[in-house]
Protein backbone atom coordinates (compact mmCIF):
# COMPACT_ATOMS: atom_id res chain seq x y z
CA MET A 1 28.43 -56.87 97.91
CA LYS A 2 31.67 -56.65 95.98
CA VAL A 3 34.29 -59.24 96.90
CA THR A 4 37.96 -58.40 96.43
CA CYS A 5 41.25 -60.31 96.16
CA LEU A 6 43.79 -59.08 98.69
CA ALA A 7 46.70 -61.53 98.71
CA TYR A 8 47.87 -64.83 97.26
CA GLY A 9 50.41 -67.56 97.81
CA ILE A 10 51.62 -70.60 95.87
CA ALA A 11 53.39 -73.68 97.19
CA ARG A 12 56.91 -73.53 95.74
CA GLU A 13 58.93 -76.74 95.63
CA THR A 14 61.77 -75.06 97.56
CA SER A 15 59.38 -74.07 100.36
CA VAL A 16 57.82 -77.52 100.46
CA ALA A 17 61.24 -79.16 100.73
CA ALA A 18 62.31 -76.76 103.50
CA LEU A 19 59.15 -77.34 105.57
CA ALA A 20 59.44 -81.12 105.22
CA THR A 21 62.73 -81.04 107.16
CA GLN A 22 61.33 -79.11 110.14
CA PRO A 23 60.48 -81.08 113.32
CA GLU A 24 56.91 -79.75 113.57
CA PHE A 25 56.15 -81.23 110.13
CA ARG A 26 57.61 -84.66 110.91
CA LYS A 27 54.17 -86.28 111.04
CA ALA A 28 52.48 -83.94 108.58
CA THR A 29 51.02 -85.35 105.39
CA ARG A 30 52.13 -84.16 101.98
CA ASN A 31 48.92 -82.16 101.60
CA MET A 32 49.52 -80.42 104.92
CA ILE A 33 53.05 -79.44 103.93
CA TYR A 34 51.97 -78.13 100.52
CA ALA A 35 49.09 -76.20 102.09
CA CYS A 36 51.31 -74.58 104.72
CA ALA A 37 53.83 -73.58 102.06
CA ALA A 38 51.11 -71.73 100.12
CA VAL A 39 49.60 -70.11 103.21
CA GLY A 40 53.05 -69.17 104.49
CA GLU A 41 53.83 -67.27 101.29
CA LEU A 42 50.48 -65.47 101.48
CA MET A 43 50.92 -64.54 105.14
CA GLY A 44 54.44 -63.34 104.47
CA SER A 45 53.08 -60.71 102.08
CA LEU A 46 50.78 -59.15 104.69
CA PRO A 47 51.75 -56.47 107.25
CA ASN A 48 52.31 -57.81 110.76
CA ALA A 49 50.04 -55.18 112.27
CA TRP A 50 47.17 -56.24 109.99
CA LEU A 51 47.72 -59.91 110.81
CA GLU A 52 47.69 -59.22 114.55
CA GLN A 53 44.33 -57.51 114.21
CA ASN A 54 42.60 -59.89 111.76
CA LEU A 55 44.29 -63.28 111.76
CA SER A 56 42.41 -64.93 114.60
CA GLN A 57 38.98 -64.27 113.07
CA MET A 58 39.88 -65.18 109.51
CA ALA A 59 37.65 -67.86 107.97
CA VAL A 60 39.17 -70.71 105.94
CA VAL A 61 37.74 -72.71 103.04
CA VAL A 62 39.75 -75.64 101.72
CA GLY A 63 38.99 -77.06 98.29
CA THR A 64 40.33 -80.56 97.70
CA SER A 65 39.26 -83.26 95.29
CA GLU A 66 40.91 -86.23 96.97
CA GLY A 67 41.56 -84.90 100.48
CA GLU A 68 43.89 -87.12 102.48
CA LEU A 69 43.20 -90.18 100.34
CA ASN A 70 46.93 -90.89 100.10
CA THR A 71 47.12 -91.18 103.90
CA THR A 72 44.02 -93.38 103.90
CA PHE A 73 45.70 -95.64 101.36
CA HIS A 74 48.78 -96.06 103.56
CA PHE A 75 46.65 -96.59 106.68
CA LEU A 76 44.70 -99.41 105.04
CA LYS A 77 47.79 -100.89 103.42
CA GLY A 78 49.58 -101.18 106.77
CA LEU A 79 46.55 -102.34 108.75
CA PRO A 80 47.13 -106.12 108.39
CA SER A 81 50.80 -105.99 109.43
CA ALA A 82 51.13 -102.95 111.71
CA GLY A 83 47.59 -102.72 113.05
CA ALA A 84 45.64 -99.50 113.46
CA ARG A 85 47.88 -96.47 113.79
CA PRO A 86 45.79 -93.70 115.45
CA PHE A 87 47.74 -90.77 114.03
CA LEU A 88 47.52 -92.11 110.48
CA PHE A 89 43.79 -92.64 110.90
CA GLN A 90 43.31 -89.11 112.25
CA SER A 91 45.35 -87.66 109.38
CA SER A 92 43.32 -89.61 106.82
CA LEU A 93 40.14 -87.64 107.51
CA HIS A 94 39.02 -85.48 104.61
CA ASN A 95 39.29 -82.24 106.58
CA ALA A 96 42.59 -83.11 108.32
CA THR A 97 44.45 -80.56 106.17
CA LEU A 98 42.09 -77.80 107.31
CA GLY A 99 42.67 -78.72 110.94
CA PHE A 100 46.44 -78.74 110.58
CA VAL A 101 46.54 -75.36 108.80
CA THR A 102 44.21 -73.63 111.27
CA GLN A 103 46.29 -74.86 114.22
CA LYS A 104 49.58 -73.98 112.58
CA PHE A 105 48.54 -70.40 111.76
CA LYS A 106 46.19 -69.93 114.76
CA LEU A 107 43.10 -69.28 112.65
CA ARG A 108 39.94 -69.25 114.76
CA GLY A 109 37.26 -68.22 112.28
CA PRO A 110 34.78 -70.56 110.56
CA GLY A 111 36.42 -73.44 108.69
CA LEU A 112 35.02 -75.51 105.82
CA THR A 113 36.37 -78.23 103.56
CA VAL A 114 34.62 -78.66 100.20
CA SER A 115 35.14 -81.48 97.72
CA ASP A 116 33.56 -81.27 94.28
CA SER A 117 35.65 -83.47 91.98
CA HIS A 118 37.48 -81.40 89.35
CA GLN A 119 35.58 -78.26 90.41
CA SER A 120 36.73 -78.31 94.06
CA GLY A 121 38.80 -75.14 93.68
CA GLU A 122 35.97 -73.25 92.00
CA THR A 123 33.53 -74.38 94.68
CA ALA A 124 35.90 -73.25 97.43
CA LEU A 125 36.23 -69.78 95.91
CA GLU A 126 32.48 -69.37 95.44
CA THR A 127 31.82 -70.64 98.98
CA ALA A 128 34.27 -68.07 100.36
CA ALA A 129 32.57 -65.29 98.40
CA THR A 130 29.22 -66.37 99.84
CA LEU A 131 30.60 -66.20 103.40
CA ILE A 132 31.71 -62.62 102.79
CA ARG A 133 28.53 -61.47 101.03
CA SER A 134 26.35 -62.99 103.76
CA GLY A 135 28.32 -61.25 106.51
CA VAL A 136 29.51 -64.49 108.12
CA ALA A 137 33.16 -63.53 107.61
CA GLY A 138 35.05 -60.34 106.78
CA HIS A 139 38.04 -62.17 105.29
CA VAL A 140 38.32 -65.70 103.95
CA LEU A 141 41.49 -67.62 103.24
CA VAL A 142 40.77 -69.89 100.28
CA LEU A 143 43.09 -72.84 99.98
CA GLY A 144 43.26 -75.36 97.15
CA VAL A 145 45.34 -78.49 97.66
CA ASP A 146 45.68 -81.99 96.26
CA GLY A 147 48.46 -84.54 96.08
CA ILE A 148 49.32 -87.76 94.35
CA VAL A 149 47.77 -90.95 95.70
CA GLU A 150 50.80 -93.24 95.69
CA GLY A 151 50.03 -96.60 94.15
CA ALA A 152 46.96 -95.32 92.29
CA GLU A 153 48.61 -93.01 89.76
CA GLU A 154 47.44 -95.03 86.76
CA GLU A 155 43.82 -95.03 87.90
CA PHE A 156 43.86 -91.28 88.52
CA ALA A 157 45.47 -90.65 85.15
CA LYS A 158 42.48 -92.36 83.53
CA ARG A 159 40.16 -89.91 85.26
CA SER A 160 42.06 -86.87 83.98
CA MET A 161 40.34 -84.87 81.26
CA THR A 162 43.66 -84.22 79.55
CA ALA A 163 46.89 -86.05 78.84
CA ALA A 164 48.76 -83.81 81.29
CA LYS A 165 50.65 -85.60 84.05
CA LEU A 166 49.01 -85.31 87.44
CA SER A 167 51.04 -83.62 90.16
CA ALA A 168 50.75 -82.29 93.70
CA GLY A 169 50.13 -78.62 94.36
CA SER A 170 48.57 -75.97 96.52
CA ALA A 171 47.65 -72.29 96.28
CA ALA A 172 45.98 -69.78 98.58
CA VAL A 173 44.02 -66.57 97.97
CA LEU A 174 42.72 -64.09 100.55
CA LEU A 175 39.29 -62.66 99.75
CA GLY A 176 37.74 -59.68 101.50
CA GLY A 177 35.02 -57.06 101.25
CA PRO A 178 34.76 -54.00 98.98
CA ASP A 179 37.05 -51.71 101.00
CA GLY A 180 39.96 -54.14 101.43
CA SER A 181 40.02 -53.50 105.21
CA GLY A 182 43.30 -51.63 105.05
CA LEU A 183 44.98 -53.84 102.44
CA PRO A 184 45.65 -52.92 98.80
CA ILE A 185 43.01 -54.43 96.52
CA LEU A 186 44.71 -56.57 93.87
CA ALA A 187 41.54 -57.30 91.89
CA ASP A 188 37.77 -57.60 92.14
CA PHE A 189 36.51 -61.16 92.44
CA VAL A 190 33.77 -61.69 89.88
CA GLY A 191 33.76 -65.49 89.83
CA ALA A 192 35.96 -68.54 90.02
CA PRO A 193 38.14 -69.19 86.96
CA GLU A 194 37.07 -72.34 85.12
CA THR A 195 39.65 -75.08 84.78
CA THR A 196 39.80 -77.98 82.37
CA GLU A 197 43.25 -79.34 83.23
CA PRO A 198 43.08 -80.99 86.67
CA LEU A 199 46.82 -81.30 87.26
CA HIS A 200 46.11 -81.16 90.97
CA TYR A 201 42.34 -81.03 91.06
CA GLY A 202 41.43 -78.98 94.12
CA ALA A 203 44.31 -76.53 93.78
CA GLN A 204 43.87 -75.78 90.11
CA ALA A 205 41.33 -72.92 90.08
CA VAL A 206 42.84 -71.26 93.15
CA GLU A 207 46.31 -71.54 91.64
CA ARG A 208 45.10 -70.07 88.35
CA LEU A 209 43.68 -67.08 90.22
CA ALA A 210 46.86 -66.68 92.26
CA GLU A 211 49.00 -66.75 89.12
CA ALA A 212 46.76 -64.14 87.48
CA LEU A 213 47.18 -61.89 90.53
CA ARG A 214 50.94 -62.42 90.48
CA GLN A 215 51.17 -61.40 86.83
CA SER A 216 48.86 -58.38 87.13
């Protein structure tokens, strides 16, 4: 079955800054804010009538190399002095970003978080395509997101395959079946774009695809 690209969104710094000031994001992690900024841009490009009909059953696949490791770092760092903080622990789980996004946008379809080192974005895209081809989902929101682990920047820089400075980022792409289900088809999905510059590991391949769609 042919898989198609139907929409995209990228976390812009202005959107991230705006969301961070809103009350409902007061306890959100940096990954959650970046992810919602990307998904918000994608959702904003879709017709309301289409969203009302399809949003609740939309599947979600999140690709992230480090997950909420930054939150885990802060949880462990504060453990001796402040004790266990339940919300920080809950937000440190690897799939916490997925949970936050699905609740925020009321997504009720299947949800998966995949983590595959520098290839997390590629794996997320291929997993989403498999869900569509197998008939498990009609539409899949693919989300790539990763942030900086504060206090471990030097160690992560050593793991980078390039000299590029690591940064936080997120991008989202909506994949669907061959007919587009009422949406304009932006491109056919033939495979995940390879990436060799893990500026923000999990987001990189998804962001590259989103940028290609934006420029087409």
